[in-house]
Amino acid sequence: MSLRDELLKAGLVSADKIKQLESDARNQQHQRKKNKTLAAEETARQAEARRRAEAGAARKREQDRQLSQKREAEKQRREEAARARQLIDGHRLNEPEAEHRYNFQDGRFVRSIRVTVAQRKALALGRLAIVQGDRNEFDFALIPRETALKLAEFVPERVLLLYPESNGDETEDEWGDW
């Protein structure tokens, strides 16, 4: 016999009161189970929200890193262009009164630049180079070999013509056996 039955027999509690207590106990147990489920769901929701926030932060960090790399590359490109401009303008040997045209290949195009006789010989001997200036599309500058080599280190596409250096002592005897 349970305590409930003994209290009911003794008349200390009524049957309605016992039913009410049992109903309350069942409701409390149901609420505890429900709260555990809700708590587990809330914990899962919080974990998912935290995971999404972390993924978003990681994505944002990656975007920021890529943007920073792009900005740094652009800054370096501008610095190289300014350095190239400074080298070319500081060592430009073009003479406005030059009368002879010197033809050279620029990619698939044949371009020309006005040179003097001495500059033509220096170009052939590899002492001068033709480089692409940045004033306009047809800005070609004559610069000394050393400057062209410096320029080729960081913007090789600007050096359009640079023959191997020679001292001018070549003779036609190399071709004499033909």
C-alpha atoms as a PDB file:
ATOM      1  CA  MET A   1       0.000   0.000   0.000  1.00  0.00           C
ATOM      2  CA  SER A   2       1.328   3.424  -0.952  1.00  0.00           C
ATOM      3  CA  LEU A   3       1.471   6.543   1.152  1.00  0.00           C
ATOM      4  CA  ARG A   4      -1.254   8.048  -1.005  1.00  0.00           C
ATOM      5  CA  ASP A   5      -3.623   5.188  -0.254  1.00  0.00           C
ATOM      6  CA  GLU A   6      -2.873   5.387   3.496  1.00  0.00           C
ATOM      7  CA  LEU A   7      -3.520   9.147   3.599  1.00  0.00           C
ATOM      8  CA  LEU A   8      -6.747   8.673   1.633  1.00  0.00           C
ATOM      9  CA  LYS A   9      -7.919   5.920   4.087  1.00  0.00           C
ATOM     10  CA  ALA A  10      -7.043   8.012   7.064  1.00  0.00           C
ATOM     11  CA  GLY A  11      -9.076  10.872   5.529  1.00  0.00           C
ATOM     12  CA  LEU A  12      -6.252  13.336   5.724  1.00  0.00           C
ATOM     13  CA  VAL A  13      -6.553  14.138   1.994  1.00  0.00           C
ATOM     14  CA  SER A  14      -9.443  14.026  -0.392  1.00  0.00           C
ATOM     15  CA  ALA A  15      -9.522  12.063  -3.653  1.00  0.00           C
ATOM     16  CA  ASP A  16      -9.747  15.296  -5.652  1.00  0.00           C
ATOM     17  CA  LYS A  17      -6.679  16.660  -3.927  1.00  0.00           C
ATOM     18  CA  ILE A  18      -4.720  13.469  -4.780  1.00  0.00           C
ATOM     19  CA  LYS A  19      -5.806  13.629  -8.401  1.00  0.00           C
ATOM     20  CA  GLN A  20      -4.750  17.301  -8.502  1.00  0.00           C
ATOM     21  CA  LEU A  21      -1.312  16.469  -7.030  1.00  0.00           C
ATOM     22  CA  GLU A  22      -0.782  13.581  -9.481  1.00  0.00           C
ATOM     23  CA  SER A  23      -1.793  15.856 -12.380  1.00  0.00           C
ATOM     24  CA  ASP A  24       0.611  18.544 -11.149  1.00  0.00           C
ATOM     25  CA  ALA A  25       3.419  15.977 -10.838  1.00  0.00           C
ATOM     26  CA  ARG A  26       2.782  14.728 -14.388  1.00  0.00           C
ATOM     27  CA  ASN A  27       2.724  18.310 -15.700  1.00  0.00           C
ATOM     28  CA  GLN A  28       5.976  19.140 -13.910  1.00  0.00           C
ATOM     29  CA  GLN A  29       7.642  16.033 -15.314  1.00  0.00           C
ATOM     30  CA  HIS A  30       6.342  16.892 -18.787  1.00  0.00           C
ATOM     31  CA  GLN A  31       7.613  20.486 -18.416  1.00  0.00           C
ATOM     32  CA  ARG A  32      11.042  19.200 -17.306  1.00  0.00           C
ATOM     33  CA  LYS A  33      11.261  16.964 -20.389  1.00  0.00           C
ATOM     34  CA  LYS A  34       9.990  19.783 -22.578  1.00  0.00           C
ATOM     35  CA  ASN A  35      12.496  22.213 -21.051  1.00  0.00           C
ATOM     36  CA  LYS A  36      15.322  19.753 -21.633  1.00  0.00           C
ATOM     37  CA  THR A  37      14.286  19.472 -25.285  1.00  0.00           C
ATOM     38  CA  LEU A  38      13.933  23.232 -25.585  1.00  0.00           C
ATOM     39  CA  ALA A  39      17.288  23.737 -23.902  1.00  0.00           C
ATOM     40  CA  ALA A  40      18.918  21.246 -26.259  1.00  0.00           C
ATOM     41  CA  GLU A  41      17.290  22.976 -29.229  1.00  0.00           C
ATOM     42  CA  GLU A  42      18.374  26.390 -27.938  1.00  0.00           C
ATOM     43  CA  THR A  43      21.915  25.126 -27.426  1.00  0.00           C
ATOM     44  CA  ALA A  44      21.937  23.719 -30.962  1.00  0.00           C
ATOM     45  CA  ARG A  45      20.585  27.038 -32.310  1.00  0.00           C
ATOM     46  CA  GLN A  46      23.250  28.980 -30.442  1.00  0.00           C
ATOM     47  CA  ALA A  47      25.972  26.633 -31.690  1.00  0.00           C
ATOM     48  CA  GLU A  48      24.704  27.014 -35.268  1.00  0.00           C
ATOM     49  CA  ALA A  49      24.574  30.804 -34.924  1.00  0.00           C
ATOM     50  CA  ARG A  50      28.104  30.802 -33.481  1.00  0.00           C
ATOM     51  CA  ARG A  51      29.312  28.580 -36.324  1.00  0.00           C
ATOM     52  CA  ARG A  52      27.687  30.873 -38.911  1.00  0.00           C
ATOM     53  CA  ALA A  53      29.206  33.943 -37.263  1.00  0.00           C
ATOM     54  CA  GLU A  54      32.656  32.327 -37.214  1.00  0.00           C
ATOM     55  CA  ALA A  55      32.297  31.303 -40.877  1.00  0.00           C
ATOM     56  CA  GLY A  56      31.200  34.822 -41.770  1.00  0.00           C
ATOM     57  CA  ALA A  57      34.135  36.296 -39.863  1.00  0.00           C
ATOM     58  CA  ALA A  58      36.536  33.898 -41.602  1.00  0.00           C
ATOM     59  CA  ARG A  59      35.042  34.816 -44.985  1.00  0.00           C
ATOM     60  CA  LYS A  60      35.367  38.514 -44.125  1.00  0.00           C
ATOM     61  CA  ARG A  61      39.008  38.027 -43.053  1.00  0.00           C
ATOM     62  CA  GLU A  62      39.728  36.234 -46.351  1.00  0.00           C
ATOM     63  CA  GLN A  63      38.067  39.014 -48.357  1.00  0.00           C
ATOM     64  CA  ASP A  64      40.014  41.628 -46.408  1.00  0.00           C
ATOM     65  CA  ARG A  65      43.263  39.717 -46.993  1.00  0.00           C
ATOM     66  CA  GLN A  66      42.580  39.464 -50.742  1.00  0.00           C
ATOM     67  CA  LEU A  67      41.673  43.146 -50.932  1.00  0.00           C
ATOM     68  CA  SER A  68      44.841  43.997 -49.047  1.00  0.00           C
ATOM     69  CA  GLN A  69      46.890  41.883 -51.469  1.00  0.00           C
ATOM     70  CA  LYS A  70      45.259  43.631 -54.447  1.00  0.00           C
ATOM     71  CA  ARG A  71      45.961  47.036 -52.946  1.00  0.00           C
ATOM     72  CA  GLU A  72      49.550  46.078 -52.189  1.00  0.00           C
ATOM     73  CA  ALA A  73      50.053  44.743 -55.742  1.00  0.00           C
ATOM     74  CA  GLU A  74      48.551  47.931 -57.197  1.00  0.00           C
ATOM     75  CA  LYS A  75      50.777  50.052 -54.972  1.00  0.00           C
ATOM     76  CA  GLN A  76      53.842  48.075 -56.037  1.00  0.00           C
ATOM     77  CA  ARG A  77      52.846  48.376 -59.711  1.00  0.00           C
ATOM     78  CA  ARG A  78      52.489  52.154 -59.353  1.00  0.00           C
ATOM     79  CA  GLU A  79      55.855  52.368 -57.587  1.00  0.00           C
ATOM     80  CA  GLU A  80      57.503  50.323 -60.357  1.00  0.00           C
ATOM     81  CA  ALA A  81      55.891  52.527 -63.012  1.00  0.00           C
ATOM     82  CA  ALA A  82      57.120  55.664 -61.248  1.00  0.00           C
ATOM     83  CA  ARG A  83      60.594  54.193 -60.873  1.00  0.00           C
ATOM     84  CA  ALA A  84      60.623  53.199 -64.567  1.00  0.00           C
ATOM     85  CA  ARG A  85      59.421  56.672 -65.579  1.00  0.00           C
ATOM     86  CA  GLN A  86      62.155  58.252 -63.471  1.00  0.00           C
ATOM     87  CA  LEU A  87      64.857  55.979 -64.936  1.00  0.00           C
ATOM     88  CA  ILE A  88      63.728  56.545 -68.511  1.00  0.00           C
ATOM     89  CA  ASP A  89      63.277  60.316 -68.221  1.00  0.00           C
ATOM     90  CA  GLY A  90      66.546  60.730 -66.336  1.00  0.00           C
ATOM     91  CA  HIS A  91      68.603  58.799 -68.906  1.00  0.00           C
ATOM     92  CA  ARG A  92      66.760  59.606 -72.162  1.00  0.00           C
ATOM     93  CA  LEU A  93      69.230  60.198 -75.003  1.00  0.00           C
ATOM     94  CA  ASN A  94      66.789  61.066 -77.788  1.00  0.00           C
ATOM     95  CA  GLU A  95      67.922  64.021 -79.881  1.00  0.00           C
ATOM     96  CA  PRO A  96      65.253  66.206 -81.491  1.00  0.00           C
ATOM     97  CA  GLU A  97      67.461  67.007 -84.497  1.00  0.00           C
ATOM     98  CA  ALA A  98      68.094  63.322 -85.338  1.00  0.00           C
ATOM     99  CA  GLU A  99      67.322  62.652 -88.981  1.00  0.00           C
ATOM    100  CA  HIS A 100      67.735  58.903 -89.551  1.00  0.00           C
ATOM    101  CA  ARG A 101      64.890  56.477 -88.914  1.00  0.00           C
ATOM    102  CA  TYR A 102      65.716  53.276 -87.067  1.00  0.00           C
ATOM    103  CA  ASN A 103      63.117  50.515 -87.459  1.00  0.00           C
ATOM    104  CA  PHE A 104      62.583  47.888 -84.764  1.00  0.00           C
ATOM    105  CA  GLN A 105      59.964  45.310 -83.866  1.00  0.00           C
ATOM    106  CA  ASP A 106      57.488  45.971 -81.054  1.00  0.00           C
ATOM    107  CA  GLY A 107      55.532  42.766 -80.665  1.00  0.00           C
ATOM    108  CA  ARG A 108      53.903  42.235 -84.039  1.00  0.00           C
ATOM    109  CA  PHE A 109      54.383  45.856 -85.158  1.00  0.00           C
ATOM    110  CA  VAL A 110      57.356  47.513 -86.794  1.00  0.00           C
ATOM    111  CA  ARG A 111      58.003  50.844 -85.122  1.00  0.00           C
ATOM    112  CA  SER A 112      60.580  53.515 -85.861  1.00  0.00           C
ATOM    113  CA  ILE A 113      62.549  56.060 -83.893  1.00  0.00           C
ATOM    114  CA  ARG A 114      64.718  58.948 -85.084  1.00  0.00           C
ATOM    115  CA  VAL A 115      68.420  58.486 -84.291  1.00  0.00           C
ATOM    116  CA  THR A 116      71.748  60.007 -85.192  1.00  0.00           C
ATOM    117  CA  VAL A 117      74.506  58.044 -86.937  1.00  0.00           C
ATOM    118  CA  ALA A 118      76.369  57.610 -83.623  1.00  0.00           C
ATOM    119  CA  GLN A 119      73.206  56.373 -81.896  1.00  0.00           C
ATOM    120  CA  ARG A 120      72.556  53.890 -84.724  1.00  0.00           C
ATOM    121  CA  LYS A 121      76.043  52.455 -84.274  1.00  0.00           C
ATOM    122  CA  ALA A 122      75.648  52.345 -80.458  1.00  0.00           C
ATOM    123  CA  LEU A 123      72.328  50.484 -80.881  1.00  0.00           C
ATOM    124  CA  ALA A 124      73.987  47.940 -83.178  1.00  0.00           C
ATOM    125  CA  LEU A 125      76.831  47.438 -80.692  1.00  0.00           C
ATOM    126  CA  GLY A 126      74.409  46.956 -77.780  1.00  0.00           C
ATOM    127  CA  ARG A 127      75.471  50.121 -75.949  1.00  0.00           C
ATOM    128  CA  LEU A 128      72.046  51.736 -76.266  1.00  0.00           C
ATOM    129  CA  ALA A 129      68.580  50.259 -75.886  1.00  0.00           C
ATOM    130  CA  ILE A 130      65.124  51.262 -77.026  1.00  0.00           C
ATOM    131  CA  VAL A 131      62.488  51.261 -74.290  1.00  0.00           C
ATOM    132  CA  GLN A 132      58.790  52.083 -74.161  1.00  0.00           C
ATOM    133  CA  GLY A 133      58.149  55.408 -72.450  1.00  0.00           C
ATOM    134  CA  ASP A 134      54.836  56.188 -70.809  1.00  0.00           C
ATOM    135  CA  ARG A 135      54.024  59.589 -72.296  1.00  0.00           C
ATOM    136  CA  ASN A 136      51.949  57.989 -75.057  1.00  0.00           C
ATOM    137  CA  GLU A 137      51.718  54.817 -77.137  1.00  0.00           C
ATOM    138  CA  PHE A 138      54.478  55.943 -79.497  1.00  0.00           C
ATOM    139  CA  ASP A 139      56.925  57.250 -76.883  1.00  0.00           C
ATOM    140  CA  PHE A 140      60.157  55.340 -77.447  1.00  0.00           C
ATOM    141  CA  ALA A 141      63.307  56.370 -75.624  1.00  0.00           C
ATOM    142  CA  LEU A 142      66.987  55.632 -76.229  1.00  0.00           C
ATOM    143  CA  ILE A 143      68.758  54.856 -72.960  1.00  0.00           C
ATOM    144  CA  PRO A 144      72.192  53.470 -72.021  1.00  0.00           C
ATOM    145  CA  ARG A 145      72.639  49.694 -71.696  1.00  0.00           C
ATOM    146  CA  GLU A 146      73.151  49.793 -67.893  1.00  0.00           C
ATOM    147  CA  THR A 147      69.898  51.676 -67.402  1.00  0.00           C
ATOM    148  CA  ALA A 148      68.066  49.251 -69.684  1.00  0.00           C
ATOM    149  CA  LEU A 149      69.389  46.318 -67.647  1.00  0.00           C
ATOM    150  CA  LYS A 150      68.170  47.962 -64.422  1.00  0.00           C
ATOM    151  CA  LEU A 151      64.809  48.590 -66.045  1.00  0.00           C
ATOM    152  CA  ALA A 152      64.587  44.976 -67.244  1.00  0.00           C
ATOM    153  CA  GLU A 153      64.894  43.769 -63.632  1.00  0.00           C
ATOM    154  CA  PHE A 154      61.496  45.078 -62.603  1.00  0.00           C
ATOM    155  CA  VAL A 155      59.611  45.933 -65.840  1.00  0.00           C
ATOM    156  CA  PRO A 156      61.091  43.757 -68.602  1.00  0.00           C
ATOM    157  CA  GLU A 157      58.156  44.437 -70.944  1.00  0.00           C
ATOM    158  CA  ARG A 158      59.308  48.055 -71.288  1.00  0.00           C
ATOM    159  CA  VAL A 159      62.665  47.066 -72.862  1.00  0.00           C
ATOM    160  CA  LEU A 160      61.870  46.691 -76.561  1.00  0.00           C
ATOM    161  CA  LEU A 161      65.331  46.374 -78.116  1.00  0.00           C
ATOM    162  CA  LEU A 162      68.663  45.556 -76.491  1.00  0.00           C
ATOM    163  CA  TYR A 163      71.276  43.775 -78.565  1.00  0.00           C
ATOM    164  CA  PRO A 164      74.077  41.768 -76.935  1.00  0.00           C
ATOM    165  CA  GLU A 165      77.000  44.004 -76.167  1.00  0.00           C
ATOM    166  CA  SER A 166      79.971  43.846 -78.545  1.00  0.00           C
ATOM    167  CA  ASN A 167      83.101  45.902 -79.045  1.00  0.00           C
ATOM    168  CA  GLY A 168      82.673  46.424 -82.798  1.00  0.00           C
ATOM    169  CA  ASP A 169      85.688  44.314 -83.847  1.00  0.00           C
ATOM    170  CA  GLU A 170      83.671  41.657 -85.665  1.00  0.00           C
ATOM    171  CA  THR A 171      84.931  40.974 -89.140  1.00  0.00           C
ATOM    172  CA  GLU A 172      83.349  39.399 -92.125  1.00  0.00           C
ATOM    173  CA  ASP A 173      85.845  36.527 -91.906  1.00  0.00           C
ATOM    174  CA  GLU A 174      83.378  34.533 -89.833  1.00  0.00           C
ATOM    175  CA  TRP A 175      81.324  34.206 -92.990  1.00  0.00           C
ATOM    176  CA  GLY A 176      84.259  33.714 -95.302  1.00  0.00           C
ATOM    177  CA  ASP A 177      83.924  29.906 -95.452  1.00  0.00           C
ATOM    178  CA  TRP A 178      80.471  30.003 -96.894  1.00  0.00           C
END
